[in-house]
């Protein structure tokens, strides 16, 4: 844990991989205390993390700090907007990267997205996604979880109608 830079690209999904069930899932619950800058609390399985992310689209400064379960439970109640829950699958791809496939639940049921993290902007720019990926939404801030969490019920309905997995 500590400060680093996150360089990632985000994609909508055209088709789920046939072997999805062969990858171990991780359950995530996260809420946003602030969106500018992003301050998020997350539970991933039995790990609790407070994250700060700077502004930006593909490259952002990121700082993570471990929380106790009690600290997480206290802070998640202070989330501004909806608390996001999702199942994340870590899928190795043919390029040596790991695809983080997120299948959302609750208020975002039906929404599926993938992210791939890179060690450099050059690597991110040269990445060729697998054929089951759809539109690259890296440069669209509407697809940041922090922004999705702030949508009201009507905005969520429109978003899901337009971007849910079919």
C-alpha atoms as a PDB file:
ATOM      1  CA  UNK A   1       0.000   0.000   0.000  1.00  0.00           C
ATOM      2  CA  UNK A   2       1.162   3.527  -0.606  1.00  0.00           C
ATOM      3  CA  UNK A   3       1.264   6.089  -3.390  1.00  0.00           C
ATOM      4  CA  UNK A   4       1.561   5.042  -7.012  1.00  0.00           C
ATOM      5  CA  UNK A   5       0.119   5.862 -10.389  1.00  0.00           C
ATOM      6  CA  UNK A   6      -2.726   3.879 -11.828  1.00  0.00           C
ATOM      7  CA  UNK A   7      -2.675   3.608 -15.602  1.00  0.00           C
ATOM      8  CA  UNK A   8      -5.694   1.758 -16.908  1.00  0.00           C
ATOM      9  CA  UNK A   9      -8.060   1.454 -19.816  1.00  0.00           C
ATOM     10  CA  UNK A  10     -11.764   0.679 -19.417  1.00  0.00           C
ATOM     11  CA  UNK A  11     -13.990  -1.214 -21.815  1.00  0.00           C
ATOM     12  CA  UNK A  12     -17.614  -2.170 -22.221  1.00  0.00           C
ATOM     13  CA  UNK A  13     -18.127  -5.869 -22.872  1.00  0.00           C
ATOM     14  CA  UNK A  14     -19.673  -7.455 -25.989  1.00  0.00           C
ATOM     15  CA  UNK A  15     -19.582 -11.049 -24.792  1.00  0.00           C
ATOM     16  CA  UNK A  16     -18.609 -12.793 -21.572  1.00  0.00           C
ATOM     17  CA  UNK A  17     -15.733 -15.254 -21.862  1.00  0.00           C
ATOM     18  CA  UNK A  18     -16.941 -18.845 -22.216  1.00  0.00           C
ATOM     19  CA  UNK A  19     -14.718 -19.980 -19.342  1.00  0.00           C
ATOM     20  CA  UNK A  20     -15.715 -17.237 -16.862  1.00  0.00           C
ATOM     21  CA  UNK A  21     -16.602 -19.755 -14.159  1.00  0.00           C
ATOM     22  CA  UNK A  22     -13.036 -21.105 -14.205  1.00  0.00           C
ATOM     23  CA  UNK A  23     -11.751 -17.840 -12.677  1.00  0.00           C
ATOM     24  CA  UNK A  24     -12.008 -17.202  -8.955  1.00  0.00           C
ATOM     25  CA  UNK A  25     -14.381 -14.342  -8.174  1.00  0.00           C
ATOM     26  CA  UNK A  26     -13.751 -11.598  -5.655  1.00  0.00           C
ATOM     27  CA  UNK A  27     -16.664  -9.721  -4.083  1.00  0.00           C
ATOM     28  CA  UNK A  28     -16.328  -5.931  -3.863  1.00  0.00           C
ATOM     29  CA  UNK A  29     -18.427  -3.345  -2.059  1.00  0.00           C
ATOM     30  CA  UNK A  30     -17.382   0.290  -2.333  1.00  0.00           C
ATOM     31  CA  UNK A  31     -18.629   3.753  -1.528  1.00  0.00           C
ATOM     32  CA  UNK A  32     -17.355   7.224  -2.305  1.00  0.00           C
ATOM     33  CA  UNK A  33     -16.834   9.813   0.401  1.00  0.00           C
ATOM     34  CA  UNK A  34     -15.773  12.414  -2.170  1.00  0.00           C
ATOM     35  CA  UNK A  35     -15.460  12.454  -5.966  1.00  0.00           C
ATOM     36  CA  UNK A  36     -13.147  15.438  -6.530  1.00  0.00           C
ATOM     37  CA  UNK A  37     -10.636  14.174  -5.573  1.00  0.00           C
ATOM     38  CA  UNK A  38     -11.887  10.606  -5.377  1.00  0.00           C
ATOM     39  CA  UNK A  39     -11.877   9.202  -1.848  1.00  0.00           C
ATOM     40  CA  UNK A  40     -13.247   5.675  -1.768  1.00  0.00           C
ATOM     41  CA  UNK A  41     -13.706   2.989   0.847  1.00  0.00           C
ATOM     42  CA  UNK A  42     -13.738  -0.585  -0.389  1.00  0.00           C
ATOM     43  CA  UNK A  43     -14.212  -4.056   0.962  1.00  0.00           C
ATOM     44  CA  UNK A  44     -12.741  -6.724  -1.268  1.00  0.00           C
ATOM     45  CA  UNK A  45     -13.511 -10.077   0.274  1.00  0.00           C
ATOM     46  CA  UNK A  46     -11.983  -9.703   3.766  1.00  0.00           C
ATOM     47  CA  UNK A  47      -9.687  -6.747   2.998  1.00  0.00           C
ATOM     48  CA  UNK A  48     -10.681  -3.122   3.733  1.00  0.00           C
ATOM     49  CA  UNK A  49      -9.064  -0.186   1.929  1.00  0.00           C
ATOM     50  CA  UNK A  50      -9.317   3.609   1.869  1.00  0.00           C
ATOM     51  CA  UNK A  51      -8.231   4.946  -1.547  1.00  0.00           C
ATOM     52  CA  UNK A  52      -7.417   8.440  -2.785  1.00  0.00           C
ATOM     53  CA  UNK A  53      -7.331   8.989  -6.575  1.00  0.00           C
ATOM     54  CA  UNK A  54      -6.379  12.214  -8.308  1.00  0.00           C
ATOM     55  CA  UNK A  55      -8.183  13.567 -11.350  1.00  0.00           C
ATOM     56  CA  UNK A  56      -7.473  12.194 -14.808  1.00  0.00           C
ATOM     57  CA  UNK A  57      -8.777   9.608 -17.222  1.00  0.00           C
ATOM     58  CA  UNK A  58      -6.132   7.010 -18.135  1.00  0.00           C
ATOM     59  CA  UNK A  59      -3.406   7.955 -15.627  1.00  0.00           C
ATOM     60  CA  UNK A  60      -4.149   8.966 -12.040  1.00  0.00           C
ATOM     61  CA  UNK A  61      -2.221   9.204  -8.815  1.00  0.00           C
ATOM     62  CA  UNK A  62      -3.463   6.597  -6.349  1.00  0.00           C
ATOM     63  CA  UNK A  63      -2.836   6.182  -2.628  1.00  0.00           C
ATOM     64  CA  UNK A  64      -4.193   3.230  -0.622  1.00  0.00           C
ATOM     65  CA  UNK A  65      -4.384   2.746   3.124  1.00  0.00           C
ATOM     66  CA  UNK A  66      -5.580  -0.402   4.900  1.00  0.00           C
ATOM     67  CA  UNK A  67      -8.623  -0.045   7.137  1.00  0.00           C
ATOM     68  CA  UNK A  68     -10.024  -2.232   9.858  1.00  0.00           C
ATOM     69  CA  UNK A  69     -13.405  -3.850   9.319  1.00  0.00           C
ATOM     70  CA  UNK A  70     -14.847  -1.452  11.920  1.00  0.00           C
ATOM     71  CA  UNK A  71     -13.305   1.551  10.152  1.00  0.00           C
ATOM     72  CA  UNK A  72     -14.774   0.440   6.834  1.00  0.00           C
ATOM     73  CA  UNK A  73     -18.226  -0.197   8.340  1.00  0.00           C
ATOM     74  CA  UNK A  74     -18.191   3.279   9.909  1.00  0.00           C
ATOM     75  CA  UNK A  75     -17.082   5.052   6.712  1.00  0.00           C
ATOM     76  CA  UNK A  76     -19.272   3.158   4.212  1.00  0.00           C
ATOM     77  CA  UNK A  77     -22.337   4.618   5.974  1.00  0.00           C
ATOM     78  CA  UNK A  78     -21.035   8.069   5.016  1.00  0.00           C
ATOM     79  CA  UNK A  79     -20.860   7.281   1.292  1.00  0.00           C
ATOM     80  CA  UNK A  80     -22.224  10.016  -0.948  1.00  0.00           C
ATOM     81  CA  UNK A  81     -24.497   8.287  -3.456  1.00  0.00           C
ATOM     82  CA  UNK A  82     -25.091   4.599  -3.962  1.00  0.00           C
ATOM     83  CA  UNK A  83     -22.802   1.920  -2.599  1.00  0.00           C
ATOM     84  CA  UNK A  84     -21.548  -0.149  -5.518  1.00  0.00           C
ATOM     85  CA  UNK A  85     -21.363  -3.923  -5.272  1.00  0.00           C
ATOM     86  CA  UNK A  86     -19.783  -6.130  -7.900  1.00  0.00           C
ATOM     87  CA  UNK A  87     -18.096  -9.433  -8.504  1.00  0.00           C
ATOM     88  CA  UNK A  88     -14.627  -9.078 -10.019  1.00  0.00           C
ATOM     89  CA  UNK A  89     -12.949 -11.786 -12.047  1.00  0.00           C
ATOM     90  CA  UNK A  90      -9.189 -11.625 -12.668  1.00  0.00           C
ATOM     91  CA  UNK A  91      -8.586 -13.029 -16.151  1.00  0.00           C
ATOM     92  CA  UNK A  92      -5.112 -13.335 -17.690  1.00  0.00           C
ATOM     93  CA  UNK A  93      -5.018 -12.326 -21.335  1.00  0.00           C
ATOM     94  CA  UNK A  94      -2.705 -13.348 -24.173  1.00  0.00           C
ATOM     95  CA  UNK A  95      -0.645 -10.142 -23.818  1.00  0.00           C
ATOM     96  CA  UNK A  96       0.450 -10.929 -20.255  1.00  0.00           C
ATOM     97  CA  UNK A  97      -1.948  -8.443 -18.655  1.00  0.00           C
ATOM     98  CA  UNK A  98      -4.754  -9.184 -16.233  1.00  0.00           C
ATOM     99  CA  UNK A  99      -8.297  -8.243 -17.187  1.00  0.00           C
ATOM    100  CA  UNK A 100     -10.420  -7.157 -14.229  1.00  0.00           C
ATOM    101  CA  UNK A 101     -13.951  -8.037 -15.309  1.00  0.00           C
ATOM    102  CA  UNK A 102     -16.609  -6.423 -13.104  1.00  0.00           C
ATOM    103  CA  UNK A 103     -20.154  -7.811 -13.003  1.00  0.00           C
ATOM    104  CA  UNK A 104     -22.246  -5.285 -11.085  1.00  0.00           C
ATOM    105  CA  UNK A 105     -25.105  -6.067  -8.694  1.00  0.00           C
ATOM    106  CA  UNK A 106     -27.885  -4.216  -6.893  1.00  0.00           C
ATOM    107  CA  UNK A 107     -28.698  -0.811  -8.380  1.00  0.00           C
ATOM    108  CA  UNK A 108     -26.350  -1.562 -11.305  1.00  0.00           C
ATOM    109  CA  UNK A 109     -27.551  -5.099 -12.084  1.00  0.00           C
ATOM    110  CA  UNK A 110     -26.871  -5.878 -15.755  1.00  0.00           C
ATOM    111  CA  UNK A 111     -23.872  -3.568 -16.116  1.00  0.00           C
ATOM    112  CA  UNK A 112     -20.546  -5.234 -16.929  1.00  0.00           C
ATOM    113  CA  UNK A 113     -17.222  -3.559 -17.561  1.00  0.00           C
ATOM    114  CA  UNK A 114     -13.552  -4.532 -17.877  1.00  0.00           C
ATOM    115  CA  UNK A 115     -10.398  -2.687 -16.844  1.00  0.00           C
ATOM    116  CA  UNK A 116      -6.794  -3.444 -17.672  1.00  0.00           C
ATOM    117  CA  UNK A 117      -3.904  -1.847 -15.762  1.00  0.00           C
ATOM    118  CA  UNK A 118      -0.544  -1.055 -17.345  1.00  0.00           C
ATOM    119  CA  UNK A 119       2.961  -0.142 -16.237  1.00  0.00           C
ATOM    120  CA  UNK A 120       3.195   2.782 -18.695  1.00  0.00           C
ATOM    121  CA  UNK A 121       1.050   5.002 -20.896  1.00  0.00           C
ATOM    122  CA  UNK A 122       2.883   3.615 -23.929  1.00  0.00           C
ATOM    123  CA  UNK A 123       1.870   0.064 -22.987  1.00  0.00           C
ATOM    124  CA  UNK A 124      -1.720   1.207 -22.467  1.00  0.00           C
ATOM    125  CA  UNK A 125      -1.794   2.972 -25.846  1.00  0.00           C
ATOM    126  CA  UNK A 126      -0.425  -0.084 -27.674  1.00  0.00           C
ATOM    127  CA  UNK A 127      -2.735  -2.634 -26.000  1.00  0.00           C
ATOM    128  CA  UNK A 128      -4.954  -4.677 -28.313  1.00  0.00           C
ATOM    129  CA  UNK A 129      -8.009  -5.861 -26.377  1.00  0.00           C
ATOM    130  CA  UNK A 130      -9.483  -9.335 -26.852  1.00  0.00           C
ATOM    131  CA  UNK A 131     -12.350  -9.748 -29.321  1.00  0.00           C
ATOM    132  CA  UNK A 132     -14.967 -10.069 -26.573  1.00  0.00           C
ATOM    133  CA  UNK A 133     -14.313  -6.475 -25.463  1.00  0.00           C
ATOM    134  CA  UNK A 134     -16.546  -3.700 -26.753  1.00  0.00           C
ATOM    135  CA  UNK A 135     -16.196   0.053 -26.806  1.00  0.00           C
ATOM    136  CA  UNK A 136     -13.147   1.654 -25.144  1.00  0.00           C
ATOM    137  CA  UNK A 137     -14.634   4.055 -22.546  1.00  0.00           C
ATOM    138  CA  UNK A 138     -11.345   5.083 -20.915  1.00  0.00           C
ATOM    139  CA  UNK A 139     -11.755   8.741 -21.825  1.00  0.00           C
ATOM    140  CA  UNK A 140     -15.420   8.926 -20.857  1.00  0.00           C
ATOM    141  CA  UNK A 141     -15.662  10.029 -17.196  1.00  0.00           C
ATOM    142  CA  UNK A 142     -19.267   8.760 -17.055  1.00  0.00           C
ATOM    143  CA  UNK A 143     -17.779   5.264 -16.679  1.00  0.00           C
ATOM    144  CA  UNK A 144     -15.787   6.063 -13.536  1.00  0.00           C
ATOM    145  CA  UNK A 145     -17.410   4.181 -10.661  1.00  0.00           C
ATOM    146  CA  UNK A 146     -17.247   7.390  -8.615  1.00  0.00           C
ATOM    147  CA  UNK A 147     -19.449   9.195 -11.154  1.00  0.00           C
ATOM    148  CA  UNK A 148     -21.818   6.250 -11.546  1.00  0.00           C
ATOM    149  CA  UNK A 149     -22.280   6.181  -7.761  1.00  0.00           C
ATOM    150  CA  UNK A 150     -23.583   9.772  -7.852  1.00  0.00           C
ATOM    151  CA  UNK A 151     -26.356   9.110 -10.386  1.00  0.00           C
ATOM    152  CA  UNK A 152     -29.912   9.447  -9.160  1.00  0.00           C
ATOM    153  CA  UNK A 153     -32.516   6.769  -9.900  1.00  0.00           C
ATOM    154  CA  UNK A 154     -33.627   8.333 -13.225  1.00  0.00           C
ATOM    155  CA  UNK A 155     -30.021   8.769 -14.432  1.00  0.00           C
ATOM    156  CA  UNK A 156     -29.215   5.180 -13.444  1.00  0.00           C
ATOM    157  CA  UNK A 157     -32.203   3.868 -15.407  1.00  0.00           C
ATOM    158  CA  UNK A 158     -31.075   5.739 -18.537  1.00  0.00           C
ATOM    159  CA  UNK A 159     -27.458   4.634 -18.057  1.00  0.00           C
ATOM    160  CA  UNK A 160     -28.432   0.986 -17.596  1.00  0.00           C
ATOM    161  CA  UNK A 161     -30.876   1.045 -20.496  1.00  0.00           C
ATOM    162  CA  UNK A 162     -28.096   2.346 -22.742  1.00  0.00           C
ATOM    163  CA  UNK A 163     -25.116   0.350 -21.404  1.00  0.00           C
ATOM    164  CA  UNK A 164     -26.373  -2.880 -19.786  1.00  0.00           C
ATOM    165  CA  UNK A 165     -24.989  -6.116 -21.055  1.00  0.00           C
ATOM    166  CA  UNK A 166     -27.390  -7.865 -23.419  1.00  0.00           C
END
